[in-house]
Each structure stands twice: as C-alpha cells, then as structure tokens.
PDB file of N, CA and C in Angstrom:
ATOM      1  N   MET A   1       0.737  -1.233  -0.167  1.00  0.00           N
ATOM      2  CA  MET A   1       0.016   0.044   0.079  1.00  0.00           C
ATOM      3  C   MET A   1       0.890   1.284   0.048  1.00  0.00           C
ATOM      4  N   THR A   2       0.362   2.306  -0.676  1.00  0.00           N
ATOM      5  CA  THR A   2       1.257   3.546  -0.645  1.00  0.00           C
ATOM      6  C   THR A   2       0.615   4.399   0.126  1.00  0.00           C
ATOM      7  N   GLU A   3       1.360   5.327   0.841  1.00  0.00           N
ATOM      8  CA  GLU A   3       0.779   6.363   1.726  1.00  0.00           C
ATOM      9  C   GLU A   3       0.477   7.597   0.923  1.00  0.00           C
ATOM     10  N   PRO A   4      -0.510   8.392   1.284  1.00  0.00           N
ATOM     11  CA  PRO A   4      -0.926   9.485   0.649  1.00  0.00           C
ATOM     12  C   PRO A   4       0.270  10.512   0.737  1.00  0.00           C
ATOM     13  N   PRO A   5       0.434  11.403  -0.085  1.00  0.00           N
ATOM     14  CA  PRO A   5       1.316  12.254  -0.220  1.00  0.00           C
ATOM     15  C   PRO A   5       1.666  13.231   1.061  1.00  0.00           C
ATOM     16  N   SER A   6       0.605  13.370   1.864  1.00  0.00           N
ATOM     17  CA  SER A   6       0.729  14.420   2.882  1.00  0.00           C
ATOM     18  C   SER A   6       1.114  13.639   4.331  1.00  0.00           C
ATOM     19  N   GLY A   7       1.805  12.533   4.167  1.00  0.00           N
ATOM     20  CA  GLY A   7       2.205  11.872   5.421  1.00  0.00           C
ATOM     21  C   GLY A   7       1.228  11.125   5.975  1.00  0.00           C
ATOM     22  N   GLY A   8       0.153  10.493   5.401  1.00  0.00           N
ATOM     23  CA  GLY A   8      -0.745   9.740   5.973  1.00  0.00           C
ATOM     24  C   GLY A   8      -2.188  10.478   6.219  1.00  0.00           C
ATOM     25  N   ALA A   9      -2.248  11.752   6.211  1.00  0.00           N
ATOM     26  CA  ALA A   9      -3.577  12.575   6.331  1.00  0.00           C
ATOM     27  C   ALA A   9      -4.092  12.624   4.987  1.00  0.00           C
ATOM     28  N   VAL A  10      -5.314  12.609   4.745  1.00  0.00           N
ATOM     29  CA  VAL A  10      -6.145  12.943   3.606  1.00  0.00           C
ATOM     30  C   VAL A  10      -6.254  14.362   3.604  1.00  0.00           C
ATOM     31  N   PRO A  11      -5.728  15.204   2.436  1.00  0.00           N
ATOM     32  CA  PRO A  11      -5.789  16.534   2.531  1.00  0.00           C
ATOM     33  C   PRO A  11      -7.204  17.137   2.259  1.00  0.00           C
ATOM     34  N   ASP A  12      -8.078  16.340   1.645  1.00  0.00           N
ATOM     35  CA  ASP A  12      -9.431  17.152   1.419  1.00  0.00           C
ATOM     36  C   ASP A  12     -10.338  17.072   2.490  1.00  0.00           C
ATOM     37  N   ARG A  13     -10.075  16.228   3.591  1.00  0.00           N
ATOM     38  CA  ARG A  13     -11.069  15.920   4.742  1.00  0.00           C
ATOM     39  C   ARG A  13     -10.546  16.630   5.985  1.00  0.00           C
ATOM     40  N   PRO A  14     -11.008  17.645   6.335  1.00  0.00           N
ATOM     41  CA  PRO A  14     -10.703  17.874   7.843  1.00  0.00           C
ATOM     42  C   PRO A  14     -10.907  16.865   8.826  1.00  0.00           C
ATOM     43  N   SER A  15     -10.029  16.802  10.048  1.00  0.00           N
ATOM     44  CA  SER A  15     -10.150  15.935  10.906  1.00  0.00           C
ATOM     45  C   SER A  15     -11.379  16.376  11.826  1.00  0.00           C
ATOM     46  N   VAL A  16     -12.132  15.299  12.394  1.00  0.00           N
ATOM     47  CA  VAL A  16     -13.101  15.778  13.517  1.00  0.00           C
ATOM     48  C   VAL A  16     -12.643  16.286  14.638  1.00  0.00           C
ATOM     49  N   THR A  17     -11.266  16.015  14.996  1.00  0.00           N
ATOM     50  CA  THR A  17     -10.778  16.589  16.123  1.00  0.00           C
ATOM     51  C   THR A  17     -10.110  18.148  15.952  1.00  0.00           C
ATOM     52  N   ASP A  18     -10.259  18.636  14.700  1.00  0.00           N
ATOM     53  CA  ASP A  18      -9.790  19.905  14.345  1.00  0.00           C
ATOM     54  C   ASP A  18     -10.875  20.779  15.337  1.00  0.00           C
ATOM     55  N   PRO A  19     -10.312  21.834  15.926  1.00  0.00           N
ATOM     56  CA  PRO A  19     -11.140  22.779  16.778  1.00  0.00           C
ATOM     57  C   PRO A  19     -12.389  23.358  15.959  1.00  0.00           C
ATOM     58  N   GLU A  20     -12.064  23.594  14.558  1.00  0.00           N
ATOM     59  CA  GLU A  20     -13.214  24.273  13.693  1.00  0.00           C
ATOM     60  C   GLU A  20     -14.304  23.283  13.422  1.00  0.00           C
ATOM     61  N   GLN A  21     -13.809  21.918  13.592  1.00  0.00           N
ATOM     62  CA  GLN A  21     -14.889  20.999  13.074  1.00  0.00           C
ATOM     63  C   GLN A  21     -15.679  20.344  14.425  1.00  0.00           C
ATOM     64  N   VAL A  22     -15.192  20.593  15.566  1.00  0.00           N
ATOM     65  CA  VAL A  22     -15.829  19.891  16.773  1.00  0.00           C
ATOM     66  C   VAL A  22     -17.316  20.238  16.893  1.00  0.00           C
ATOM     67  N   ALA A  23     -17.594  21.489  16.876  1.00  0.00           N
ATOM     68  CA  ALA A  23     -18.927  22.071  17.121  1.00  0.00           C
ATOM     69  C   ALA A  23     -19.978  21.396  15.910  1.00  0.00           C
ATOM     70  N   PRO A  24     -19.637  21.677  14.626  1.00  0.00           N
ATOM     71  CA  PRO A  24     -20.540  21.041  13.765  1.00  0.00           C
ATOM     72  C   PRO A  24     -20.543  19.602  13.683  1.00  0.00           C
ATOM     73  N   HIS A  25     -19.444  18.973  14.042  1.00  0.00           N
ATOM     74  CA  HIS A  25     -19.492  17.313  14.165  1.00  0.00           C
ATOM     75  C   HIS A  25     -20.387  17.015  15.311  1.00  0.00           C
ATOM     76  N   ALA A  26     -20.471  17.740  16.433  1.00  0.00           N
ATOM     77  CA  ALA A  26     -21.323  17.321  17.519  1.00  0.00           C
ATOM     78  C   ALA A  26     -22.856  17.651  17.063  1.00  0.00           C
ATOM     79  N   GLU A  27     -23.000  18.887  16.463  1.00  0.00           N
ATOM     80  CA  GLU A  27     -24.269  19.299  15.935  1.00  0.00           C
ATOM     81  C   GLU A  27     -24.886  18.134  14.975  1.00  0.00           C
ATOM     82  N   TYR A  28     -24.024  17.586  14.264  1.00  0.00           N
ATOM     83  CA  TYR A  28     -24.490  16.681  13.198  1.00  0.00           C
ATOM     84  C   TYR A  28     -24.841  15.448  13.850  1.00  0.00           C
ATOM     85  N   TRP A  29     -24.166  15.046  14.912  1.00  0.00           N
ATOM     86  CA  TRP A  29     -24.644  13.776  15.547  1.00  0.00           C
ATOM     87  C   TRP A  29     -25.698  13.804  16.366  1.00  0.00           C
ATOM     88  N   ARG A  30     -25.923  15.184  17.061  1.00  0.00           N
ATOM     89  CA  ARG A  30     -26.952  15.348  17.845  1.00  0.00           C
ATOM     90  C   ARG A  30     -28.120  15.306  17.021  1.00  0.00           C
ATOM     91  N   ARG A  31     -28.086  15.913  15.874  1.00  0.00           N
ATOM     92  CA  ARG A  31     -29.446  15.784  15.019  1.00  0.00           C
ATOM     93  C   ARG A  31     -29.806  14.497  14.548  1.00  0.00           C
ATOM     94  N   ASN A  32     -28.665  13.676  14.262  1.00  0.00           N
ATOM     95  CA  ASN A  32     -28.816  12.306  13.566  1.00  0.00           C
ATOM     96  C   ASN A  32     -29.454  11.521  14.808  1.00  0.00           C
ATOM     97  N   ILE A  33     -29.037  11.556  16.087  1.00  0.00           N
ATOM     98  CA  ILE A  33     -29.535  10.900  17.207  1.00  0.00           C
ATOM     99  C   ILE A  33     -31.024  11.300  17.371  1.00  0.00           C
ATOM    100  N   ARG A  34     -31.279  12.666  17.316  1.00  0.00           N
ATOM    101  CA  ARG A  34     -32.718  13.069  17.339  1.00  0.00           C
ATOM    102  C   ARG A  34     -33.657  12.593  16.311  1.00  0.00           C
ATOM    103  N   TYR A  35     -32.992  12.526  15.060  1.00  0.00           N
ATOM    104  CA  TYR A  35     -33.797  11.836  13.940  1.00  0.00           C
ATOM    105  C   TYR A  35     -34.299  10.387  14.418  1.00  0.00           C
ATOM    106  N   VAL A  36     -33.085   9.770  14.873  1.00  0.00           N
ATOM    107  CA  VAL A  36     -33.381   8.178  15.072  1.00  0.00           C
ATOM    108  C   VAL A  36     -34.324   8.063  16.261  1.00  0.00           C
ATOM    109  N   GLY A  37     -34.127   8.831  17.152  1.00  0.00           N
ATOM    110  CA  GLY A  37     -35.054   8.744  18.397  1.00  0.00           C
ATOM    111  C   GLY A  37     -36.574   8.953  18.015  1.00  0.00           C
ATOM    112  N   VAL A  38     -36.793  10.002  17.255  1.00  0.00           N
ATOM    113  CA  VAL A  38     -38.172  10.360  16.884  1.00  0.00           C
ATOM    114  C   VAL A  38     -38.743   9.289  16.097  1.00  0.00           C
ATOM    115  N   LEU A  39     -37.911   8.693  14.947  1.00  0.00           N
ATOM    116  CA  LEU A  39     -38.368   7.680  14.199  1.00  0.00           C
ATOM    117  C   LEU A  39     -38.665   6.400  14.901  1.00  0.00           C
ATOM    118  N   LEU A  40     -37.894   5.948  15.890  1.00  0.00           N
ATOM    119  CA  LEU A  40     -38.178   4.772  16.697  1.00  0.00           C
ATOM    120  C   LEU A  40     -39.254   4.935  17.466  1.00  0.00           C
ATOM    121  N   ALA A  41     -39.418   6.202  18.110  1.00  0.00           N
ATOM    122  CA  ALA A  41     -40.616   6.345  18.909  1.00  0.00           C
ATOM    123  C   ALA A  41     -42.124   6.291  17.860  1.00  0.00           C
ATOM    124  N   ILE A  42     -41.995   6.856  16.853  1.00  0.00           N
ATOM    125  CA  ILE A  42     -43.030   6.456  15.916  1.00  0.00           C
ATOM    126  C   ILE A  42     -43.377   4.970  15.631  1.00  0.00           C
ATOM    127  N   TRP A  43     -42.239   4.373  15.452  1.00  0.00           N
ATOM    128  CA  TRP A  43     -42.421   2.943  15.027  1.00  0.00           C
ATOM    129  C   TRP A  43     -42.876   2.232  16.308  1.00  0.00           C
ATOM    130  N   PHE A  44     -42.350   2.627  17.411  1.00  0.00           N
ATOM    131  CA  PHE A  44     -42.825   1.905  18.642  1.00  0.00           C
ATOM    132  C   PHE A  44     -44.275   2.278  18.997  1.00  0.00           C
ATOM    133  N   GLY A  45     -44.813   3.533  18.802  1.00  0.00           N
ATOM    134  CA  GLY A  45     -46.071   3.865  18.841  1.00  0.00           C
ATOM    135  C   GLY A  45     -47.170   3.066  17.895  1.00  0.00           C
ATOM    136  N   VAL A  46     -46.581   2.859  16.768  1.00  0.00           N
ATOM    137  CA  VAL A  46     -47.432   2.244  15.831  1.00  0.00           C
ATOM    138  C   VAL A  46     -47.596   0.448  16.076  1.00  0.00           C
ATOM    139  N   SER A  47     -46.244  -0.017  16.242  1.00  0.00           N
ATOM    140  CA  SER A  47     -46.049  -1.399  16.468  1.00  0.00           C
ATOM    141  C   SER A  47     -46.913  -1.765  17.837  1.00  0.00           C
ATOM    142  N   TYR A  48     -46.420  -1.160  18.877  1.00  0.00           N
ATOM    143  CA  TYR A  48     -46.845  -1.672  20.296  1.00  0.00           C
ATOM    144  C   TYR A  48     -48.317  -1.096  20.471  1.00  0.00           C
ATOM    145  N   GLY A  49     -48.480   0.392  20.180  1.00  0.00           N
ATOM    146  CA  GLY A  49     -49.666   0.876  20.437  1.00  0.00           C
ATOM    147  C   GLY A  49     -50.788   0.428  19.669  1.00  0.00           C
ATOM    148  N   PHE A  50     -50.727   0.462  18.300  1.00  0.00           N
ATOM    149  CA  PHE A  50     -51.778   0.107  17.450  1.00  0.00           C
ATOM    150  C   PHE A  50     -51.784  -1.634  17.332  1.00  0.00           C
ATOM    151  N   GLY A  51     -50.816  -2.234  17.478  1.00  0.00           N
ATOM    152  CA  GLY A  51     -50.696  -3.595  17.316  1.00  0.00           C
ATOM    153  C   GLY A  51     -51.060  -4.445  18.387  1.00  0.00           C
ATOM    154  N   ILE A  52     -50.772  -3.717  19.823  1.00  0.00           N
ATOM    155  CA  ILE A  52     -51.204  -4.603  20.957  1.00  0.00           C
ATOM    156  C   ILE A  52     -52.164  -3.779  22.007  1.00  0.00           C
ATOM    157  N   LEU A  53     -51.748  -2.587  22.263  1.00  0.00           N
ATOM    158  CA  LEU A  53     -52.553  -1.923  23.060  1.00  0.00           C
ATOM    159  C   LEU A  53     -54.018  -1.483  22.571  1.00  0.00           C
ATOM    160  N   LEU A  54     -54.076  -1.028  21.416  1.00  0.00           N
ATOM    161  CA  LEU A  54     -55.261  -0.593  20.752  1.00  0.00           C
ATOM    162  C   LEU A  54     -55.738  -1.646  19.808  1.00  0.00           C
ATOM    163  N   ALA A  55     -55.275  -2.851  19.782  1.00  0.00           N
ATOM    164  CA  ALA A  55     -55.816  -3.850  18.829  1.00  0.00           C
ATOM    165  C   ALA A  55     -57.283  -4.218  18.944  1.00  0.00           C
ATOM    166  N   GLU A  56     -57.776  -4.358  20.169  1.00  0.00           N
ATOM    167  CA  GLU A  56     -59.257  -4.612  20.281  1.00  0.00           C
ATOM    168  C   GLU A  56     -60.150  -3.506  19.841  1.00  0.00           C
ATOM    169  N   PRO A  57     -59.897  -2.141  20.095  1.00  0.00           N
ATOM    170  CA  PRO A  57     -60.855  -1.017  19.607  1.00  0.00           C
ATOM    171  C   PRO A  57     -60.497  -0.880  18.094  1.00  0.00           C
ATOM    172  N   LEU A  58     -59.376  -1.123  17.680  1.00  0.00           N
ATOM    173  CA  LEU A  58     -59.231  -1.169  16.168  1.00  0.00           C
ATOM    174  C   LEU A  58     -59.931  -2.168  15.521  1.00  0.00           C
ATOM    175  N   ASN A  59     -60.158  -3.279  16.063  1.00  0.00           N
ATOM    176  CA  ASN A  59     -60.794  -4.485  15.385  1.00  0.00           C
ATOM    177  C   ASN A  59     -62.192  -4.215  14.939  1.00  0.00           C
ATOM    178  N   ALA A  60     -62.683  -3.202  15.672  1.00  0.00           N
ATOM    179  CA  ALA A  60     -64.150  -2.798  15.314  1.00  0.00           C
ATOM    180  C   ALA A  60     -64.187  -2.363  13.874  1.00  0.00           C
ATOM    181  N   PHE A  61     -62.941  -1.966  13.266  1.00  0.00           N
ATOM    182  CA  PHE A  61     -62.883  -1.324  12.010  1.00  0.00           C
ATOM    183  C   PHE A  61     -62.249  -2.437  11.151  1.00  0.00           C
ATOM    184  N   HIS A  62     -62.573  -2.434   9.760  1.00  0.00           N
ATOM    185  CA  HIS A  62     -61.918  -3.322   8.914  1.00  0.00           C
ATOM    186  C   HIS A  62     -61.226  -2.559   7.844  1.00  0.00           C
ATOM    187  N   LEU A  63     -60.148  -3.188   7.317  1.00  0.00           N
ATOM    188  CA  LEU A  63     -59.461  -2.540   6.159  1.00  0.00           C
ATOM    189  C   LEU A  63     -60.312  -2.467   4.971  1.00  0.00           C
ATOM    190  N   PRO A  64     -60.426  -1.431   4.428  1.00  0.00           N
ATOM    191  CA  PRO A  64     -61.186  -1.217   3.255  1.00  0.00           C
ATOM    192  C   PRO A  64     -61.040  -2.281   2.211  1.00  0.00           C
ATOM    193  N   GLY A  65     -62.019  -2.904   1.531  1.00  0.00           N
ATOM    194  CA  GLY A  65     -61.868  -4.003   0.541  1.00  0.00           C
ATOM    195  C   GLY A  65     -61.473  -5.294   0.946  1.00  0.00           C
ATOM    196  N   THR A  66     -61.345  -5.526   2.409  1.00  0.00           N
ATOM    197  CA  THR A  66     -61.026  -6.853   2.791  1.00  0.00           C
ATOM    198  C   THR A  66     -61.835  -7.071   4.167  1.00  0.00           C
ATOM    199  N   SER A  67     -61.896  -8.206   4.784  1.00  0.00           N
ATOM    200  CA  SER A  67     -62.543  -8.469   5.907  1.00  0.00           C
ATOM    201  C   SER A  67     -61.596  -8.489   7.166  1.00  0.00           C
ATOM    202  N   PHE A  68     -60.319  -8.142   7.060  1.00  0.00           N
ATOM    203  CA  PHE A  68     -59.365  -7.873   8.174  1.00  0.00           C
ATOM    204  C   PHE A  68     -59.617  -6.886   9.009  1.00  0.00           C
ATOM    205  N   PRO A  69     -59.740  -7.184  10.261  1.00  0.00           N
ATOM    206  CA  PRO A  69     -59.841  -6.191  11.432  1.00  0.00           C
ATOM    207  C   PRO A  69     -58.518  -5.429  11.423  1.00  0.00           C
ATOM    208  N   LEU A  70     -58.880  -4.137  11.467  1.00  0.00           N
ATOM    209  CA  LEU A  70     -57.586  -3.238  11.548  1.00  0.00           C
ATOM    210  C   LEU A  70     -56.557  -3.404  12.511  1.00  0.00           C
ATOM    211  N   GLY A  71     -57.038  -3.890  13.789  1.00  0.00           N
ATOM    212  CA  GLY A  71     -56.001  -4.122  14.742  1.00  0.00           C
ATOM    213  C   GLY A  71     -55.212  -5.373  14.437  1.00  0.00           C
ATOM    214  N   PHE A  72     -55.792  -6.419  13.892  1.00  0.00           N
ATOM    215  CA  PHE A  72     -55.045  -7.574  13.548  1.00  0.00           C
ATOM    216  C   PHE A  72     -54.081  -7.012  12.353  1.00  0.00           C
ATOM    217  N   TRP A  73     -54.553  -6.326  11.364  1.00  0.00           N
ATOM    218  CA  TRP A  73     -53.521  -5.955  10.299  1.00  0.00           C
ATOM    219  C   TRP A  73     -52.450  -5.043  10.781  1.00  0.00           C
ATOM    220  N   PHE A  74     -52.681  -4.179  11.926  1.00  0.00           N
ATOM    221  CA  PHE A  74     -51.446  -3.498  12.253  1.00  0.00           C
ATOM    222  C   PHE A  74     -50.573  -4.318  13.122  1.00  0.00           C
ATOM    223  N   ALA A  75     -51.023  -5.192  13.667  1.00  0.00           N
ATOM    224  CA  ALA A  75     -50.086  -6.438  14.420  1.00  0.00           C
ATOM    225  C   ALA A  75     -49.392  -7.218  13.341  1.00  0.00           C
ATOM    226  N   GLN A  76     -50.066  -7.619  12.339  1.00  0.00           N
ATOM    227  CA  GLN A  76     -49.428  -8.488  11.233  1.00  0.00           C
ATOM    228  C   GLN A  76     -48.650  -7.849  10.244  1.00  0.00           C
ATOM    229  N   GLN A  77     -49.080  -6.800   9.766  1.00  0.00           N
ATOM    230  CA  GLN A  77     -48.483  -6.017   8.500  1.00  0.00           C
ATOM    231  C   GLN A  77     -48.147  -4.558   8.684  1.00  0.00           C
ATOM    232  N   GLY A  78     -48.963  -3.840   9.310  1.00  0.00           N
ATOM    233  CA  GLY A  78     -48.959  -2.352   9.567  1.00  0.00           C
ATOM    234  C   GLY A  78     -47.666  -1.731  10.042  1.00  0.00           C
ATOM    235  N   ALA A  79     -47.172  -2.500  11.112  1.00  0.00           N
ATOM    236  CA  ALA A  79     -45.977  -2.179  11.787  1.00  0.00           C
ATOM    237  C   ALA A  79     -44.755  -2.398  10.807  1.00  0.00           C
ATOM    238  N   ILE A  80     -44.875  -3.349  10.028  1.00  0.00           N
ATOM    239  CA  ILE A  80     -43.617  -3.645   9.221  1.00  0.00           C
ATOM    240  C   ILE A  80     -43.803  -2.590   7.976  1.00  0.00           C
ATOM    241  N   TYR A  81     -44.869  -2.279   7.423  1.00  0.00           N
ATOM    242  CA  TYR A  81     -44.948  -1.316   6.497  1.00  0.00           C
ATOM    243  C   TYR A  81     -44.481   0.034   6.882  1.00  0.00           C
ATOM    244  N   VAL A  82     -44.892   0.311   8.166  1.00  0.00           N
ATOM    245  CA  VAL A  82     -44.628   1.752   8.828  1.00  0.00           C
ATOM    246  C   VAL A  82     -42.999   1.719   8.878  1.00  0.00           C
ATOM    247  N   PHE A  83     -42.482   0.745   9.338  1.00  0.00           N
ATOM    248  CA  PHE A  83     -41.017   0.509   9.421  1.00  0.00           C
ATOM    249  C   PHE A  83     -40.281   0.729   8.142  1.00  0.00           C
ATOM    250  N   VAL A  84     -40.672   0.230   7.034  1.00  0.00           N
ATOM    251  CA  VAL A  84     -40.136   0.413   5.771  1.00  0.00           C
ATOM    252  C   VAL A  84     -40.136   1.808   5.415  1.00  0.00           C
ATOM    253  N   VAL A  85     -41.451   2.484   5.497  1.00  0.00           N
ATOM    254  CA  VAL A  85     -41.577   3.687   5.244  1.00  0.00           C
ATOM    255  C   VAL A  85     -40.686   4.693   6.035  1.00  0.00           C
ATOM    256  N   LEU A  86     -40.521   4.402   7.358  1.00  0.00           N
ATOM    257  CA  LEU A  86     -39.596   5.091   8.109  1.00  0.00           C
ATOM    258  C   LEU A  86     -38.207   5.069   7.701  1.00  0.00           C
ATOM    259  N   ILE A  87     -37.769   3.851   7.306  1.00  0.00           N
ATOM    260  CA  ILE A  87     -36.428   3.721   6.568  1.00  0.00           C
ATOM    261  C   ILE A  87     -36.197   4.767   5.364  1.00  0.00           C
ATOM    262  N   PHE A  88     -37.063   4.951   4.659  1.00  0.00           N
ATOM    263  CA  PHE A  88     -36.958   5.890   3.467  1.00  0.00           C
ATOM    264  C   PHE A  88     -37.066   7.249   3.921  1.00  0.00           C
ATOM    265  N   VAL A  89     -37.893   7.511   4.999  1.00  0.00           N
ATOM    266  CA  VAL A  89     -37.959   8.782   5.697  1.00  0.00           C
ATOM    267  C   VAL A  89     -36.539   9.230   6.134  1.00  0.00           C
ATOM    268  N   TYR A  90     -35.922   8.202   6.931  1.00  0.00           N
ATOM    269  CA  TYR A  90     -34.572   8.456   7.505  1.00  0.00           C
ATOM    270  C   TYR A  90     -33.559   8.698   6.374  1.00  0.00           C
ATOM    271  N   VAL A  91     -33.541   7.997   5.366  1.00  0.00           N
ATOM    272  CA  VAL A  91     -32.649   8.195   4.195  1.00  0.00           C
ATOM    273  C   VAL A  91     -32.744   9.656   3.727  1.00  0.00           C
ATOM    274  N   ARG A  92     -34.016  10.037   3.460  1.00  0.00           N
ATOM    275  CA  ARG A  92     -34.239  11.549   3.041  1.00  0.00           C
ATOM    276  C   ARG A  92     -33.679  12.604   4.059  1.00  0.00           C
ATOM    277  N   LEU A  93     -34.067  12.203   5.432  1.00  0.00           N
ATOM    278  CA  LEU A  93     -33.618  13.183   6.333  1.00  0.00           C
ATOM    279  C   LEU A  93     -32.039  13.156   6.518  1.00  0.00           C
ATOM    280  N   MET A  94     -31.407  12.017   6.219  1.00  0.00           N
ATOM    281  CA  MET A  94     -29.921  12.060   6.508  1.00  0.00           C
ATOM    282  C   MET A  94     -29.298  12.618   5.236  1.00  0.00           C
ATOM    283  N   ASN A  95     -29.894  12.359   3.959  1.00  0.00           N
ATOM    284  CA  ASN A  95     -29.201  13.086   2.807  1.00  0.00           C
ATOM    285  C   ASN A  95     -29.302  14.413   2.833  1.00  0.00           C
ATOM    286  N   SER A  96     -30.373  15.042   3.591  1.00  0.00           N
ATOM    287  CA  SER A  96     -30.495  16.346   3.633  1.00  0.00           C
ATOM    288  C   SER A  96     -29.432  16.907   4.632  1.00  0.00           C
ATOM    289  N   LEU A  97     -29.329  16.142   5.782  1.00  0.00           N
ATOM    290  CA  LEU A  97     -28.456  16.622   6.736  1.00  0.00           C
ATOM    291  C   LEU A  97     -26.915  16.406   6.324  1.00  0.00           C
ATOM    292  N   ASP A  98     -26.732  15.579   5.469  1.00  0.00           N
ATOM    293  CA  ASP A  98     -25.430  15.254   4.869  1.00  0.00           C
ATOM    294  C   ASP A  98     -24.942  16.444   4.046  1.00  0.00           C
ATOM    295  N   ARG A  99     -26.039  16.898   3.170  1.00  0.00           N
ATOM    296  CA  ARG A  99     -25.702  18.004   2.275  1.00  0.00           C
ATOM    297  C   ARG A  99     -25.503  19.247   3.084  1.00  0.00           C
ATOM    298  N   GLU A 100     -26.359  19.498   4.034  1.00  0.00           N
ATOM    299  CA  GLU A 100     -26.137  20.669   5.026  1.00  0.00           C
ATOM    300  C   GLU A 100     -24.910  20.901   5.729  1.00  0.00           C
ATOM    301  N   PHE A 101     -24.304  19.750   5.997  1.00  0.00           N
ATOM    302  CA  PHE A 101     -22.952  19.657   6.781  1.00  0.00           C
ATOM    303  C   PHE A 101     -21.886  19.335   5.820  1.00  0.00           C
ATOM    304  N   ALA A 102     -22.074  19.323   4.555  1.00  0.00           N
ATOM    305  CA  ALA A 102     -21.137  19.013   3.521  1.00  0.00           C
ATOM    306  C   ALA A 102     -20.387  17.904   3.606  1.00  0.00           C
ATOM    307  N   VAL A 103     -21.021  16.839   4.080  1.00  0.00           N
ATOM    308  CA  VAL A 103     -20.508  15.378   4.273  1.00  0.00           C
ATOM    309  C   VAL A 103     -21.140  14.332   3.357  1.00  0.00           C
ATOM    310  N   ASP A 104     -21.986  14.927   2.411  1.00  0.00           N
ATOM    311  CA  ASP A 104     -22.663  13.958   1.464  1.00  0.00           C
ATOM    312  C   ASP A 104     -21.672  13.269   0.571  1.00  0.00           C
ATOM    313  N   GLU A 105     -22.056  12.268  -0.063  1.00  0.00           N
ATOM    314  CA  GLU A 105     -21.364  11.435  -0.970  1.00  0.00           C
ATOM    315  C   GLU A 105     -21.177  11.979  -2.270  1.00  0.00           C
ATOM    316  N   GLY A 106     -22.009  12.993  -2.631  1.00  0.00           N
ATOM    317  CA  GLY A 106     -21.791  13.586  -3.897  1.00  0.00           C
ATOM    318  C   GLY A 106     -22.475  12.975  -5.137  1.00  0.00           C
ATOM    319  N   GLY A 107     -23.283  12.156  -4.776  1.00  0.00           N
ATOM    320  CA  GLY A 107     -24.090  11.270  -6.004  1.00  0.00           C
ATOM    321  C   GLY A 107     -25.135  12.155  -6.560  1.00  0.00           C
ATOM    322  N   ASP A 108     -25.545  11.703  -7.635  1.00  0.00           N
ATOM    323  CA  ASP A 108     -26.571  12.353  -8.287  1.00  0.00           C
ATOM    324  C   ASP A 108     -27.952  12.219  -7.615  1.00  0.00           C
ATOM    325  N   ARG A 109     -28.807  13.212  -7.378  1.00  0.00           N
ATOM    326  CA  ARG A 109     -30.011  13.147  -6.810  1.00  0.00           C
ATOM    327  C   ARG A 109     -30.955  13.977  -7.506  1.00  0.00           C
TER     328      ARG A 109
END
C-alpha cells in the first residue's frame, strides 16, 4: 500500500478533532440521534400501540376492501410497512443533513 503524499492524512477532509470541526460534528450527531429517536418512537407507537394496546378497539374497523380487522392488520402487517416507510424517511432526512454539513457522498439526486 502506498501512503498519501501528505504523510498519512487525507488533505481534502478535515479531522473531526480539528477545533473548527468539533462543534459542527457534535451538532451533526445530535441531530442524527434526534432523528433516530423520533423515528423509533413513531415505530414503537405504531407497532406496540396500534398492534397490541389498541388492537381490540381497532378491530371494530375493517381494512377497506377486505374482511381483516384493523387491529389484526397493524399487528401483522402495518408495523412492518410503517417501519419500511420510516427507513425511506430516515434516508431522506440523512441525505438532507449530509448536504447541510457538506459530508454527502456527492452522488446524483
């Protein structure tokens, strides 16, 4: 393997220990963790709340076009669908955050 010409450091990327980068780096991760926390809370609310705690009241309603009770559907399918949607929401949020902090991968969007 060959060493980069600058003695091991990559010249285009500032170090996260650089004093100018510490505050933006901390803010980036603070917002990232906030996104994860909110999205996990939504998923928990849907999967546990609708699928377990509110299953009986929701069973009074049926999924349109089917005979499946809504509480059963949330317990069996709905939480999974919400989780997949939340993955796409997280990707969009992180792409936006990456662009804002200039750490995006630079791909076409």
